Amino acid sequence: MAETRTRKPPLSLGPDCAVLTSIGTVYLYRLQPQDVRAYAELPSTWLAVDKFRMLLMRVGSDAISDRGILDAGPLTDERVESLGDDEVERVAEAYLDGTSLRGYRQEGVSATVAVVRNANEPATKFLDRLLNWHAAARTGRASAEASDTMPPRAARKPVSSGHILLTRREAWIAFAGLAAVGAFAIGAFLQHYLVAHRIQEQQEAVFAQVKQLNGLVAAQAAQAIHDSSELRQRLDALEAALRALPPVAAGKPHEAAPKAAAKAPASKSRGRAPTSR
């Protein structure tokens, strides 16, 4: 492969292009050889969009400075992670059309095995192929082209579980699965709570009815006791009245007999008088 010529350093270290995003205007500064090397060192298992996020932390900023990215200040991890994948693709598309990568694309086209963007190929995937090709083409003279414009930055490790590396999409799928399981568990708990609450309400209604019936029974028992007490008082009064009556004399029934006997001789004497005559 023919060795590519070294481009002359730019006259200005200001931003190469700007893209309006949800976090404000992102200014993309010129790509430096050490940025290409750092990009090529990223794990090949990463998605192209995640690799470009790492590149944004090196060449992207929310400020303008003619002294370069160091003076402007690169984007933080949190701000880059807040960008959606569609926004990252738009930023990559604008960066590919900028003057910084125009020379890289021309060198890729003129190579023995041309590095040309395929139809409907996402900007991040084409940029990934282009930068990896340039990194391989510059092997052996990367140290001579190194610059102090931007110090090397530690590569971000992808989400891992044991020895299994998860891509960004797989991590989101796993998170969605956990969220679904959590939602199912919450739904089951709420259903159980509603059933228990309904049973408790039914028990309270039954207890209220039993309490009402007990009150009615107690009232009837009290009324029965009161009526029994009144009846007992009346019986006691009647018994006292009967005891207060005077007793009947024992000889009075036999007085009528002598009177009857006294009248009997008179009738006989009256019947005999006509006989004597």
Protein backbone atom coordinates (compact mmCIF):
# COMPACT_ATOMS: atom_id res chain seq x y z
CA MET A 1 0.00 0.00 0.00
CA ALA A 2 1.40 3.34 -0.98
CA GLU A 3 2.30 5.60 1.89
CA THR A 4 0.05 8.61 2.21
CA ARG A 5 1.49 12.09 2.35
CA THR A 6 1.40 14.04 5.56
CA ARG A 7 -1.02 16.92 5.40
CA LYS A 8 0.13 20.35 6.41
CA PRO A 9 -1.12 21.55 9.78
CA PRO A 10 -4.13 23.83 9.57
CA LEU A 11 -3.69 27.55 9.84
CA SER A 12 -6.42 27.76 12.47
CA LEU A 13 -7.19 25.37 15.31
CA GLY A 14 -10.80 26.52 15.46
CA PRO A 15 -13.82 24.25 15.01
CA ASP A 16 -14.27 22.48 11.70
CA CYS A 17 -18.08 22.40 11.79
CA ALA A 18 -21.02 22.92 14.16
CA VAL A 19 -24.20 20.91 14.71
CA LEU A 20 -27.29 21.96 16.66
CA THR A 21 -28.30 19.20 19.15
CA SER A 22 -30.45 18.74 22.24
CA ILE A 23 -27.54 19.83 24.45
CA GLY A 24 -26.91 22.94 22.38
CA THR A 25 -24.52 23.61 19.53
CA VAL A 26 -21.71 21.05 19.33
CA TYR A 27 -18.50 22.34 17.72
CA LEU A 28 -16.30 19.66 16.12
CA TYR A 29 -12.59 20.40 15.98
CA ARG A 30 -10.05 19.01 13.55
CA LEU A 31 -9.11 15.37 13.82
CA GLN A 32 -5.52 14.81 14.93
CA PRO A 33 -3.35 11.68 14.38
CA GLN A 34 -3.47 10.77 18.07
CA ASP A 35 -7.26 10.85 17.87
CA VAL A 36 -7.15 8.33 15.03
CA ARG A 37 -4.84 6.08 17.03
CA ALA A 38 -7.05 6.28 20.12
CA TYR A 39 -10.08 5.47 17.98
CA ALA A 40 -8.37 2.42 16.45
CA GLU A 41 -7.56 1.11 19.96
CA LEU A 42 -11.22 0.89 20.91
CA PRO A 43 -12.60 -2.69 21.16
CA SER A 44 -13.87 -4.07 17.88
CA THR A 45 -16.94 -5.45 19.67
CA TRP A 46 -18.28 -1.94 20.22
CA LEU A 47 -20.92 -0.48 17.97
CA ALA A 48 -19.81 2.24 15.58
CA VAL A 49 -22.13 4.75 17.24
CA ASP A 50 -20.52 4.08 20.63
CA LYS A 51 -17.05 4.50 19.14
CA PHE A 52 -18.05 7.86 17.72
CA ARG A 53 -19.30 8.91 21.16
CA MET A 54 -15.77 8.31 22.44
CA LEU A 55 -14.42 10.40 19.55
CA LEU A 56 -16.82 13.20 20.46
CA MET A 57 -15.21 13.35 23.90
CA ARG A 58 -11.94 14.17 22.12
CA VAL A 59 -12.96 16.47 19.25
CA GLY A 60 -16.37 17.84 20.36
CA SER A 61 -16.99 20.91 22.50
CA ASP A 62 -19.75 23.35 23.35
CA ALA A 63 -17.42 26.36 23.09
CA ILE A 64 -15.48 28.08 20.30
CA SER A 65 -11.75 28.73 20.51
CA ASP A 66 -9.08 29.43 17.87
CA ARG A 67 -6.54 27.70 20.09
CA GLY A 68 -8.02 24.25 19.70
CA ILE A 69 -10.03 21.73 21.64
CA LEU A 70 -7.87 21.99 24.75
CA ASP A 71 -8.66 25.66 25.18
CA ALA A 72 -12.36 25.18 24.34
CA GLY A 73 -12.77 22.18 26.63
CA PRO A 74 -14.07 18.82 25.35
CA LEU A 75 -17.54 17.50 26.03
CA THR A 76 -18.04 15.54 29.24
CA ASP A 77 -19.15 11.93 29.34
CA GLU A 78 -22.56 12.88 30.73
CA ARG A 79 -23.32 15.35 27.93
CA VAL A 80 -22.26 12.91 25.24
CA GLU A 81 -24.28 10.08 26.76
CA SER A 82 -27.38 12.31 26.84
CA LEU A 83 -27.33 12.49 23.02
CA GLY A 84 -29.59 10.04 21.23
CA ASP A 85 -28.30 7.70 18.53
CA ASP A 86 -30.05 9.73 15.82
CA GLU A 87 -28.32 12.89 17.01
CA VAL A 88 -24.97 11.12 17.06
CA GLU A 89 -25.55 10.03 13.45
CA ARG A 90 -26.31 13.64 12.45
CA VAL A 91 -23.14 14.87 14.13
CA ALA A 92 -21.11 12.16 12.38
CA GLU A 93 -22.69 13.08 9.04
CA ALA A 94 -21.73 16.73 9.50
CA TYR A 95 -18.19 15.76 10.56
CA LEU A 96 -17.73 13.64 7.43
CA ASP A 97 -18.68 16.63 5.27
CA GLY A 98 -16.27 18.94 7.10
CA THR A 99 -12.81 19.92 5.90
CA SER A 100 -11.13 17.85 8.61
CA LEU A 101 -12.22 14.49 7.17
CA ARG A 102 -12.33 15.54 3.53
CA GLY A 103 -8.66 14.72 3.07
CA TYR A 104 -9.10 11.38 4.83
CA ARG A 105 -11.92 10.48 2.45
CA GLN A 106 -9.88 11.47 -0.61
CA GLU A 107 -6.99 9.30 0.54
CA GLY A 108 -9.38 6.42 1.11
CA VAL A 109 -10.77 6.71 -2.42
CA SER A 110 -7.29 6.82 -3.95
CA ALA A 111 -6.11 3.76 -2.03
CA THR A 112 -5.48 0.41 -3.68
CA VAL A 113 -8.53 -0.98 -1.93
CA ALA A 114 -10.80 2.03 -2.09
CA VAL A 115 -12.63 2.98 1.09
CA VAL A 116 -15.91 4.29 -0.30
CA ARG A 117 -19.15 4.83 1.53
CA ASN A 118 -21.81 2.31 0.58
CA ALA A 119 -25.37 3.24 -0.23
CA ASN A 120 -27.53 3.79 2.88
CA GLU A 121 -24.50 3.16 5.10
CA PRO A 122 -24.77 5.06 8.41
CA ALA A 123 -22.25 7.84 8.88
CA THR A 124 -20.80 6.26 12.04
CA LYS A 125 -20.16 2.92 10.31
CA PHE A 126 -18.42 4.54 7.33
CA LEU A 127 -16.35 6.73 9.63
CA ASP A 128 -15.41 3.62 11.62
CA ARG A 129 -14.13 1.86 8.48
CA LEU A 130 -12.34 5.02 7.29
CA LEU A 131 -10.51 5.72 10.54
CA ASN A 132 -9.54 2.08 11.06
CA TRP A 133 -8.08 2.03 7.53
CA HIS A 134 -6.09 5.20 8.18
CA ALA A 135 -4.84 3.86 11.49
CA ALA A 136 -3.60 0.70 9.76
CA ALA A 137 -2.03 2.76 6.93
CA ARG A 138 -0.16 4.98 9.39
CA THR A 139 1.31 2.12 11.40
CA GLY A 140 5.04 2.65 11.90
CA ARG A 141 4.99 6.42 11.88
CA ALA A 142 2.26 7.16 14.41
CA SER A 143 4.84 8.31 16.99
CA ALA A 144 6.34 10.82 14.52
CA GLU A 145 2.94 12.35 13.86
CA ALA A 146 1.96 12.54 17.53
CA SER A 147 1.12 15.97 18.85
CA ASP A 148 0.53 17.57 22.23
CA THR A 149 -2.70 19.12 21.06
CA MET A 150 -4.79 16.55 22.90
CA PRO A 151 -3.45 14.12 25.53
CA PRO A 152 -4.50 10.48 25.18
CA ARG A 153 -7.73 9.61 26.89
CA ALA A 154 -8.52 6.30 28.54
CA ALA A 155 -10.94 4.22 26.55
CA ARG A 156 -14.30 3.61 28.12
CA LYS A 157 -15.01 0.01 28.99
CA PRO A 158 -18.28 -1.40 27.77
CA VAL A 159 -20.81 -2.91 30.11
CA SER A 160 -19.61 -6.35 31.10
CA SER A 161 -20.99 -9.29 32.98
CA GLY A 162 -18.17 -11.62 33.97
CA HIS A 163 -16.18 -12.12 30.78
CA ILE A 164 -19.11 -11.35 28.42
CA LEU A 165 -19.00 -7.93 26.76
CA LEU A 166 -22.35 -6.28 26.12
CA THR A 167 -22.90 -3.71 23.42
CA ARG A 168 -24.95 -0.61 24.00
CA ARG A 169 -27.99 -2.11 22.29
CA GLU A 170 -27.73 -5.37 24.24
CA ALA A 171 -27.42 -3.40 27.46
CA TRP A 172 -30.60 -1.49 26.62
CA ILE A 173 -32.39 -4.75 25.79
CA ALA A 174 -31.30 -6.24 29.12
CA PHE A 175 -32.43 -3.10 30.90
CA ALA A 176 -35.81 -3.25 29.12
CA GLY A 177 -36.17 -6.90 30.17
CA LEU A 178 -35.43 -6.05 33.78
CA ALA A 179 -37.90 -3.17 33.60
CA ALA A 180 -40.57 -5.53 32.24
CA VAL A 181 -39.92 -8.04 35.03
CA GLY A 182 -40.08 -5.23 37.57
CA ALA A 183 -43.36 -3.97 36.11
CA PHE A 184 -44.81 -7.51 36.23
CA ALA A 185 -43.74 -7.88 39.87
CA ILE A 186 -45.26 -4.52 40.76
CA GLY A 187 -48.51 -5.47 38.99
CA ALA A 188 -48.70 -8.77 40.85
CA PHE A 189 -48.07 -7.00 44.16
CA LEU A 190 -50.77 -4.41 43.44
CA GLN A 191 -53.24 -7.13 42.47
CA HIS A 192 -52.48 -9.03 45.66
CA TYR A 193 -52.86 -5.83 47.67
CA LEU A 194 -56.23 -5.04 46.07
CA VAL A 195 -57.55 -8.57 46.71
CA ALA A 196 -56.38 -8.45 50.34
CA HIS A 197 -57.91 -5.00 50.75
CA ARG A 198 -61.23 -6.22 49.32
CA ILE A 199 -61.27 -9.24 51.65
CA GLN A 200 -60.52 -6.97 54.59
CA GLU A 201 -63.42 -4.69 53.65
CA GLN A 202 -65.77 -7.71 53.44
CA GLN A 203 -64.59 -8.91 56.87
CA GLU A 204 -65.17 -5.46 58.33
CA ALA A 205 -68.69 -5.42 56.85
CA VAL A 206 -69.44 -8.85 58.39
CA PHE A 207 -68.04 -7.71 61.75
CA ALA A 208 -70.26 -4.61 61.60
CA GLN A 209 -73.35 -6.75 60.92
CA VAL A 210 -72.48 -9.11 63.77
CA LYS A 211 -71.95 -6.16 66.07
CA GLN A 212 -75.32 -4.72 65.06
CA LEU A 213 -77.04 -8.07 65.69
CA ASN A 214 -75.34 -8.34 69.09
CA GLY A 215 -76.63 -4.88 69.93
CA LEU A 216 -80.18 -5.85 68.95
CA VAL A 217 -79.99 -9.05 71.01
CA ALA A 218 -78.65 -7.12 74.00
CA ALA A 219 -81.46 -4.55 73.70
CA GLN A 220 -84.13 -7.28 73.53
CA ALA A 221 -82.59 -9.04 76.51
CA ALA A 222 -82.62 -5.78 78.49
CA GLN A 223 -86.27 -5.19 77.54
CA ALA A 224 -87.16 -8.74 78.61
CA ILE A 225 -85.42 -8.20 81.94
CA HIS A 226 -87.30 -4.93 82.41
CA ASP A 227 -90.67 -6.55 81.57
CA SER A 228 -89.93 -9.43 83.93
CA SER A 229 -89.08 -6.97 86.69
CA GLU A 230 -92.36 -5.08 86.17
CA LEU A 231 -94.32 -8.35 86.17
CA ARG A 232 -92.63 -9.39 89.38
CA GLN A 233 -93.52 -6.09 91.00
CA ARG A 234 -97.16 -6.47 89.97
CA LEU A 235 -97.31 -9.99 91.37
CA ASP A 236 -95.78 -8.82 94.64
CA ALA A 237 -98.32 -5.98 94.85
CA LEU A 238 -101.22 -8.39 94.15
CA GLU A 239 -99.96 -10.80 96.80
CA ALA A 240 -99.66 -7.96 99.30
CA ALA A 241 -103.23 -6.83 98.52
CA LEU A 242 -104.57 -10.33 99.04
CA ARG A 243 -102.82 -10.60 102.36
CA ALA A 244 -104.37 -7.28 103.50
CA LEU A 245 -108.01 -8.57 103.15
CA PRO A 246 -109.76 -9.48 106.58
CA PRO A 247 -110.21 -13.18 107.34
CA VAL A 248 -113.80 -14.76 107.19
CA ALA A 249 -115.39 -15.72 110.68
CA ALA A 250 -115.64 -19.45 111.34
CA GLY A 251 -119.14 -19.54 113.15
CA LYS A 252 -121.22 -17.42 110.84
CA PRO A 253 -122.21 -20.20 108.45
CA HIS A 254 -123.99 -22.17 111.28
CA GLU A 255 -126.21 -19.28 112.54
CA ALA A 256 -128.81 -19.82 109.90
CA ALA A 257 -129.69 -23.30 111.19
CA PRO A 258 -131.22 -22.32 114.60
CA LYS A 259 -133.37 -19.71 112.92
CA ALA A 260 -134.70 -22.28 110.57
CA ALA A 261 -135.34 -24.58 113.49
CA ALA A 262 -137.20 -21.90 115.42
CA LYS A 263 -139.51 -21.25 112.56
CA ALA A 264 -140.36 -24.88 112.11
CA PRO A 265 -142.40 -25.42 115.39
CA ALA A 266 -144.53 -22.37 114.71
CA SER A 267 -145.66 -23.75 111.44
CA LYS A 268 -146.60 -27.00 113.03
CA SER A 269 -148.63 -25.36 115.76
CA ARG A 270 -150.52 -23.43 113.23
CA GLY A 271 -151.47 -26.58 111.45
CA ARG A 272 -152.75 -28.34 114.45
CA ALA A 273 -155.22 -25.71 115.61
CA PRO A 274 -158.00 -26.61 113.22
CA THR A 275 -157.75 -30.23 114.24
CA SER A 276 -158.53 -29.57 117.90
CA ARG A 277 -161.71 -27.91 117.00
